């Protein structure tokens, strides 16, 4: 290992970090035999409070993206770029609406129980 003159020696073995990453790359991924992974085709029926907070964040991000894209499209002179920005804004609007519908569905289900 090359020693650098102004760097302190922390007493670490020079290959420790490299060995573990090299071993991980050389060994094939072995599935955990004790558990099976399920592929979700739709969101779960139960939303945790953490899920709810993250979903609200996603709503805010998509709303902001929609507003920014619309604002920039209005400022743009190039029609091609303006169209691309409008499409990006519509995409954010669709995502916002999908998230809102999902939240409303969960709210309706929780009031019925």
N, C-alpha and C. Protein backbone atom coordinates (compact mmCIF):
# COMPACT_ATOMS: atom_id res chain seq x y z
N UNK A 1 0.85 -1.18 0.00
CA UNK A 1 0.00 0.00 0.00
C UNK A 1 0.88 1.23 0.00
N UNK A 2 0.52 2.22 -0.78
CA UNK A 2 1.29 3.45 -0.87
C UNK A 2 0.98 4.31 0.35
N UNK A 3 1.99 4.82 1.00
CA UNK A 3 1.82 5.70 2.14
C UNK A 3 1.85 7.14 1.66
N UNK A 4 0.91 7.92 2.13
CA UNK A 4 0.89 9.34 1.81
C UNK A 4 1.54 10.09 2.96
N UNK A 5 2.44 11.02 2.70
CA UNK A 5 3.24 11.65 3.75
C UNK A 5 2.43 12.41 4.80
N UNK A 6 1.36 13.08 4.42
CA UNK A 6 0.62 13.92 5.36
C UNK A 6 -0.65 13.26 5.88
N UNK A 7 -0.87 12.01 5.54
CA UNK A 7 -2.09 11.32 5.95
C UNK A 7 -1.80 10.47 7.17
N UNK A 8 -2.62 10.55 8.22
CA UNK A 8 -2.39 9.71 9.39
C UNK A 8 -2.73 8.26 9.08
N UNK A 9 -2.06 7.36 9.78
CA UNK A 9 -2.34 5.94 9.63
C UNK A 9 -3.35 5.57 10.71
N UNK A 10 -4.53 5.18 10.31
CA UNK A 10 -5.59 4.85 11.25
C UNK A 10 -5.54 3.40 11.68
N UNK A 11 -4.52 2.68 11.30
CA UNK A 11 -4.37 1.29 11.71
C UNK A 11 -5.32 0.34 11.00
N UNK A 12 -5.83 0.72 9.84
CA UNK A 12 -6.75 -0.14 9.12
C UNK A 12 -5.97 -0.98 8.11
N UNK A 13 -6.46 -2.15 7.88
CA UNK A 13 -5.86 -3.02 6.88
C UNK A 13 -6.19 -2.45 5.51
N UNK A 14 -5.25 -2.37 4.60
CA UNK A 14 -5.48 -1.69 3.31
C UNK A 14 -6.49 -2.39 2.42
N UNK A 15 -6.73 -3.67 2.60
CA UNK A 15 -7.62 -4.38 1.68
C UNK A 15 -8.96 -4.75 2.29
N UNK A 16 -9.26 -4.31 3.50
CA UNK A 16 -10.50 -4.74 4.15
C UNK A 16 -11.72 -4.34 3.32
N UNK A 17 -11.84 -3.08 2.97
CA UNK A 17 -13.00 -2.63 2.21
C UNK A 17 -13.07 -3.27 0.84
N UNK A 18 -11.92 -3.48 0.22
CA UNK A 18 -11.90 -4.04 -1.12
C UNK A 18 -12.27 -5.52 -1.10
N UNK A 19 -11.85 -6.24 -0.07
CA UNK A 19 -12.12 -7.67 -0.04
C UNK A 19 -13.62 -7.95 0.00
N UNK A 20 -14.33 -7.23 0.85
CA UNK A 20 -15.75 -7.52 0.96
C UNK A 20 -16.49 -7.17 -0.33
N UNK A 21 -16.12 -6.06 -0.97
CA UNK A 21 -16.81 -5.72 -2.21
C UNK A 21 -16.41 -6.66 -3.34
N UNK A 22 -15.15 -7.11 -3.36
CA UNK A 22 -14.73 -8.05 -4.39
C UNK A 22 -15.42 -9.39 -4.19
N UNK A 23 -15.53 -9.85 -2.95
CA UNK A 23 -16.20 -11.11 -2.69
C UNK A 23 -17.67 -11.05 -3.09
N UNK A 24 -18.30 -9.92 -2.84
CA UNK A 24 -19.70 -9.78 -3.22
C UNK A 24 -19.86 -9.83 -4.73
N UNK A 25 -18.90 -9.25 -5.45
CA UNK A 25 -19.01 -9.25 -6.91
C UNK A 25 -18.74 -10.63 -7.48
N UNK A 26 -17.86 -11.42 -6.85
CA UNK A 26 -17.51 -12.72 -7.38
C UNK A 26 -18.56 -13.79 -7.07
N UNK A 27 -19.27 -13.64 -5.95
CA UNK A 27 -20.25 -14.64 -5.59
C UNK A 27 -21.57 -14.31 -6.27
N UNK A 28 -22.20 -15.31 -6.85
CA UNK A 28 -23.50 -15.05 -7.49
C UNK A 28 -24.54 -14.73 -6.43
N UNK A 29 -25.53 -13.96 -6.83
CA UNK A 29 -26.61 -13.64 -5.91
C UNK A 29 -27.38 -14.91 -5.58
N UNK A 30 -27.42 -15.23 -4.32
CA UNK A 30 -28.15 -16.42 -3.89
C UNK A 30 -29.42 -15.96 -3.19
N UNK A 31 -30.56 -16.47 -3.63
CA UNK A 31 -31.81 -16.06 -2.99
C UNK A 31 -31.87 -16.58 -1.57
N UNK A 32 -32.52 -15.83 -0.72
CA UNK A 32 -32.73 -16.24 0.65
C UNK A 32 -33.78 -17.35 0.64
N UNK A 33 -33.39 -18.54 0.99
CA UNK A 33 -34.29 -19.68 0.89
C UNK A 33 -35.40 -19.64 1.92
N UNK A 34 -35.23 -18.87 2.99
CA UNK A 34 -36.22 -18.81 4.05
C UNK A 34 -37.42 -17.94 3.70
N UNK A 35 -37.26 -16.99 2.79
CA UNK A 35 -38.36 -16.10 2.44
C UNK A 35 -38.52 -16.06 0.92
N UNK A 36 -39.74 -15.82 0.50
CA UNK A 36 -40.01 -15.66 -0.92
C UNK A 36 -40.47 -14.24 -1.15
N UNK A 37 -40.01 -13.64 -2.23
CA UNK A 37 -40.43 -12.29 -2.55
C UNK A 37 -41.68 -12.35 -3.39
N UNK A 38 -42.63 -11.51 -3.03
CA UNK A 38 -43.85 -11.41 -3.81
C UNK A 38 -43.80 -10.14 -4.64
N UNK A 39 -44.29 -10.22 -5.84
CA UNK A 39 -44.35 -9.05 -6.71
C UNK A 39 -45.74 -8.44 -6.54
N UNK A 40 -45.77 -7.16 -6.17
CA UNK A 40 -47.06 -6.49 -5.98
C UNK A 40 -47.55 -5.97 -7.31
N UNK A 41 -48.77 -6.32 -7.65
CA UNK A 41 -49.37 -5.82 -8.88
C UNK A 41 -50.17 -4.56 -8.62
N UNK A 42 -50.48 -4.28 -7.36
CA UNK A 42 -51.19 -3.07 -6.98
C UNK A 42 -50.77 -2.68 -5.57
N UNK A 43 -50.99 -1.43 -5.20
CA UNK A 43 -50.57 -0.99 -3.86
C UNK A 43 -51.33 -1.77 -2.79
N UNK A 44 -50.71 -1.92 -1.61
CA UNK A 44 -51.39 -2.65 -0.53
C UNK A 44 -52.60 -1.88 -0.02
N UNK A 45 -53.52 -2.58 0.64
CA UNK A 45 -54.73 -1.96 1.16
C UNK A 45 -54.44 -1.09 2.38
N UNK A 46 -53.39 -1.38 3.10
CA UNK A 46 -53.06 -0.67 4.32
C UNK A 46 -51.95 0.34 4.06
N UNK A 47 -52.15 1.56 4.53
CA UNK A 47 -51.11 2.58 4.42
C UNK A 47 -50.65 2.94 5.83
N UNK A 48 -49.37 2.85 6.05
CA UNK A 48 -48.82 3.24 7.34
C UNK A 48 -48.71 4.76 7.39
N UNK A 49 -48.44 5.30 8.56
CA UNK A 49 -48.29 6.76 8.66
C UNK A 49 -47.07 7.21 7.86
N UNK A 50 -46.03 6.38 7.80
CA UNK A 50 -44.85 6.71 7.00
C UNK A 50 -45.21 6.73 5.51
N UNK A 51 -46.02 5.76 5.07
CA UNK A 51 -46.50 5.75 3.68
C UNK A 51 -47.27 7.02 3.37
N UNK A 52 -48.12 7.42 4.32
CA UNK A 52 -48.95 8.60 4.12
C UNK A 52 -48.08 9.85 4.01
N UNK A 53 -47.08 9.98 4.86
CA UNK A 53 -46.18 11.14 4.79
C UNK A 53 -45.41 11.17 3.48
N UNK A 54 -44.92 10.01 3.04
CA UNK A 54 -44.18 9.96 1.78
C UNK A 54 -45.10 10.30 0.61
N UNK A 55 -46.33 9.84 0.66
CA UNK A 55 -47.28 10.12 -0.42
C UNK A 55 -47.59 11.61 -0.47
N UNK A 56 -47.73 12.23 0.70
CA UNK A 56 -47.95 13.68 0.72
C UNK A 56 -46.76 14.43 0.14
N UNK A 57 -45.55 13.95 0.43
CA UNK A 57 -44.36 14.55 -0.17
C UNK A 57 -44.39 14.42 -1.68
N UNK A 58 -44.77 13.23 -2.16
CA UNK A 58 -44.84 13.02 -3.61
C UNK A 58 -45.88 13.94 -4.24
N UNK A 59 -47.00 14.17 -3.54
CA UNK A 59 -48.00 15.11 -4.05
C UNK A 59 -47.38 16.51 -4.19
N UNK A 60 -46.66 16.93 -3.17
CA UNK A 60 -46.04 18.26 -3.21
C UNK A 60 -45.02 18.36 -4.33
N UNK A 61 -44.21 17.30 -4.51
CA UNK A 61 -43.19 17.31 -5.56
C UNK A 61 -43.83 17.40 -6.94
N UNK A 62 -44.90 16.63 -7.15
CA UNK A 62 -45.56 16.64 -8.45
C UNK A 62 -46.28 17.96 -8.71
N UNK A 63 -46.87 18.54 -7.67
CA UNK A 63 -47.52 19.84 -7.83
C UNK A 63 -46.50 20.90 -8.20
N UNK A 64 -45.36 20.88 -7.52
CA UNK A 64 -44.31 21.84 -7.83
C UNK A 64 -43.77 21.63 -9.25
N UNK A 65 -43.55 20.37 -9.64
CA UNK A 65 -43.09 20.07 -10.99
C UNK A 65 -44.07 20.55 -12.04
N UNK A 66 -45.35 20.36 -11.77
CA UNK A 66 -46.39 20.80 -12.70
C UNK A 66 -46.37 22.32 -12.84
N UNK A 67 -46.27 23.03 -11.71
CA UNK A 67 -46.25 24.49 -11.75
C UNK A 67 -45.01 25.03 -12.45
N UNK A 68 -43.86 24.43 -12.16
CA UNK A 68 -42.62 24.90 -12.79
C UNK A 68 -42.64 24.68 -14.30
N UNK A 69 -43.09 23.50 -14.71
CA UNK A 69 -43.14 23.20 -16.14
C UNK A 69 -44.08 24.16 -16.86
N UNK A 70 -45.23 24.43 -16.24
CA UNK A 70 -46.18 25.35 -16.86
C UNK A 70 -45.59 26.77 -16.95
N UNK A 71 -44.97 27.22 -15.87
CA UNK A 71 -44.36 28.55 -15.87
C UNK A 71 -43.28 28.66 -16.94
N UNK A 72 -42.40 27.67 -17.00
CA UNK A 72 -41.31 27.72 -17.98
C UNK A 72 -41.83 27.63 -19.41
N UNK A 73 -42.88 26.84 -19.62
CA UNK A 73 -43.45 26.73 -20.96
C UNK A 73 -44.00 28.09 -21.42
N UNK A 74 -44.59 28.86 -20.49
CA UNK A 74 -45.13 30.17 -20.84
C UNK A 74 -44.02 31.17 -21.19
N UNK A 75 -42.83 30.95 -20.64
CA UNK A 75 -41.70 31.86 -20.89
C UNK A 75 -40.90 31.49 -22.14
N UNK A 76 -41.15 30.29 -22.65
CA UNK A 76 -40.31 29.74 -23.72
C UNK A 76 -40.74 30.26 -25.11
N UNK A 77 -39.76 30.58 -25.94
CA UNK A 77 -40.01 31.05 -27.30
C UNK A 77 -40.03 29.90 -28.30
N UNK A 78 -39.21 28.88 -28.06
CA UNK A 78 -39.10 27.73 -28.96
C UNK A 78 -40.31 26.80 -28.76
N UNK A 79 -41.06 26.59 -29.83
CA UNK A 79 -42.29 25.80 -29.74
C UNK A 79 -42.03 24.34 -29.36
N UNK A 80 -40.93 23.79 -29.84
CA UNK A 80 -40.60 22.40 -29.50
C UNK A 80 -40.35 22.23 -28.01
N UNK A 81 -39.59 23.15 -27.47
CA UNK A 81 -39.28 23.10 -26.04
C UNK A 81 -40.53 23.39 -25.23
N UNK A 82 -41.32 24.35 -25.71
CA UNK A 82 -42.58 24.68 -25.02
C UNK A 82 -43.49 23.45 -24.95
N UNK A 83 -43.59 22.72 -26.05
CA UNK A 83 -44.42 21.52 -26.09
C UNK A 83 -43.89 20.46 -25.13
N UNK A 84 -42.57 20.27 -25.09
CA UNK A 84 -41.97 19.28 -24.19
C UNK A 84 -42.25 19.65 -22.72
N UNK A 85 -42.15 20.94 -22.41
CA UNK A 85 -42.43 21.39 -21.04
C UNK A 85 -43.90 21.20 -20.68
N UNK A 86 -44.79 21.47 -21.62
CA UNK A 86 -46.22 21.27 -21.37
C UNK A 86 -46.52 19.78 -21.13
N UNK A 87 -45.88 18.92 -21.91
CA UNK A 87 -46.06 17.48 -21.71
C UNK A 87 -45.53 17.03 -20.35
N UNK A 88 -44.39 17.59 -19.94
CA UNK A 88 -43.85 17.26 -18.62
C UNK A 88 -44.81 17.73 -17.53
N UNK A 89 -45.37 18.91 -17.70
CA UNK A 89 -46.35 19.41 -16.74
C UNK A 89 -47.58 18.53 -16.66
N UNK A 90 -48.06 18.06 -17.82
CA UNK A 90 -49.22 17.16 -17.83
C UNK A 90 -48.90 15.82 -17.17
N UNK A 91 -47.68 15.34 -17.35
CA UNK A 91 -47.26 14.10 -16.70
C UNK A 91 -47.32 14.28 -15.18
N UNK A 92 -46.77 15.39 -14.68
CA UNK A 92 -46.81 15.65 -13.25
C UNK A 92 -48.25 15.78 -12.76
N UNK A 93 -49.12 16.37 -13.57
CA UNK A 93 -50.52 16.51 -13.19
C UNK A 93 -51.19 15.14 -13.10
N UNK A 94 -50.91 14.25 -14.06
CA UNK A 94 -51.46 12.90 -14.01
C UNK A 94 -50.99 12.15 -12.76
N UNK A 95 -49.69 12.26 -12.47
CA UNK A 95 -49.15 11.59 -11.28
C UNK A 95 -49.78 12.15 -10.00
N UNK A 96 -49.96 13.46 -9.96
CA UNK A 96 -50.59 14.10 -8.82
C UNK A 96 -52.01 13.54 -8.63
N UNK A 97 -52.75 13.46 -9.73
CA UNK A 97 -54.13 12.98 -9.66
C UNK A 97 -54.19 11.51 -9.25
N UNK A 98 -53.27 10.70 -9.75
CA UNK A 98 -53.24 9.29 -9.36
C UNK A 98 -52.98 9.14 -7.86
N UNK A 99 -52.03 9.90 -7.35
CA UNK A 99 -51.73 9.85 -5.92
C UNK A 99 -52.92 10.34 -5.10
N UNK A 100 -53.55 11.42 -5.53
CA UNK A 100 -54.71 11.95 -4.83
C UNK A 100 -55.85 10.94 -4.82
N UNK A 101 -56.10 10.29 -5.95
CA UNK A 101 -57.14 9.26 -6.01
C UNK A 101 -56.84 8.11 -5.06
N UNK A 102 -55.57 7.71 -4.99
CA UNK A 102 -55.17 6.63 -4.11
C UNK A 102 -55.41 7.02 -2.64
N UNK A 103 -55.04 8.24 -2.29
CA UNK A 103 -55.27 8.70 -0.92
C UNK A 103 -56.76 8.77 -0.59
N UNK A 104 -57.56 9.25 -1.53
CA UNK A 104 -58.99 9.36 -1.30
C UNK A 104 -59.63 7.98 -1.16
N UNK A 105 -59.14 7.02 -1.94
CA UNK A 105 -59.64 5.65 -1.83
C UNK A 105 -59.37 5.10 -0.43
N UNK A 106 -58.17 5.33 0.08
CA UNK A 106 -57.83 4.85 1.42
C UNK A 106 -58.61 5.58 2.49
N UNK A 107 -58.87 6.84 2.28
CA UNK A 107 -59.64 7.60 3.25
C UNK A 107 -61.08 7.09 3.28
N UNK A 108 -61.65 6.81 2.12
CA UNK A 108 -63.01 6.26 2.05
C UNK A 108 -63.09 4.89 2.69
N UNK A 109 -62.06 4.06 2.48
CA UNK A 109 -62.06 2.72 3.07
C UNK A 109 -61.95 2.80 4.59
N UNK A 110 -61.16 3.73 5.10
CA UNK A 110 -60.97 3.82 6.53
C UNK A 110 -62.22 4.36 7.22
N UNK A 111 -63.01 5.21 6.56
CA UNK A 111 -64.24 5.72 7.15
C UNK A 111 -65.34 4.67 7.12
N UNK A 112 -65.27 3.72 6.20
CA UNK A 112 -66.28 2.67 6.11
C UNK A 112 -66.09 1.61 7.20
N UNK A 113 -64.89 1.48 7.72
CA UNK A 113 -64.61 0.42 8.69
C UNK A 113 -65.08 0.77 10.06
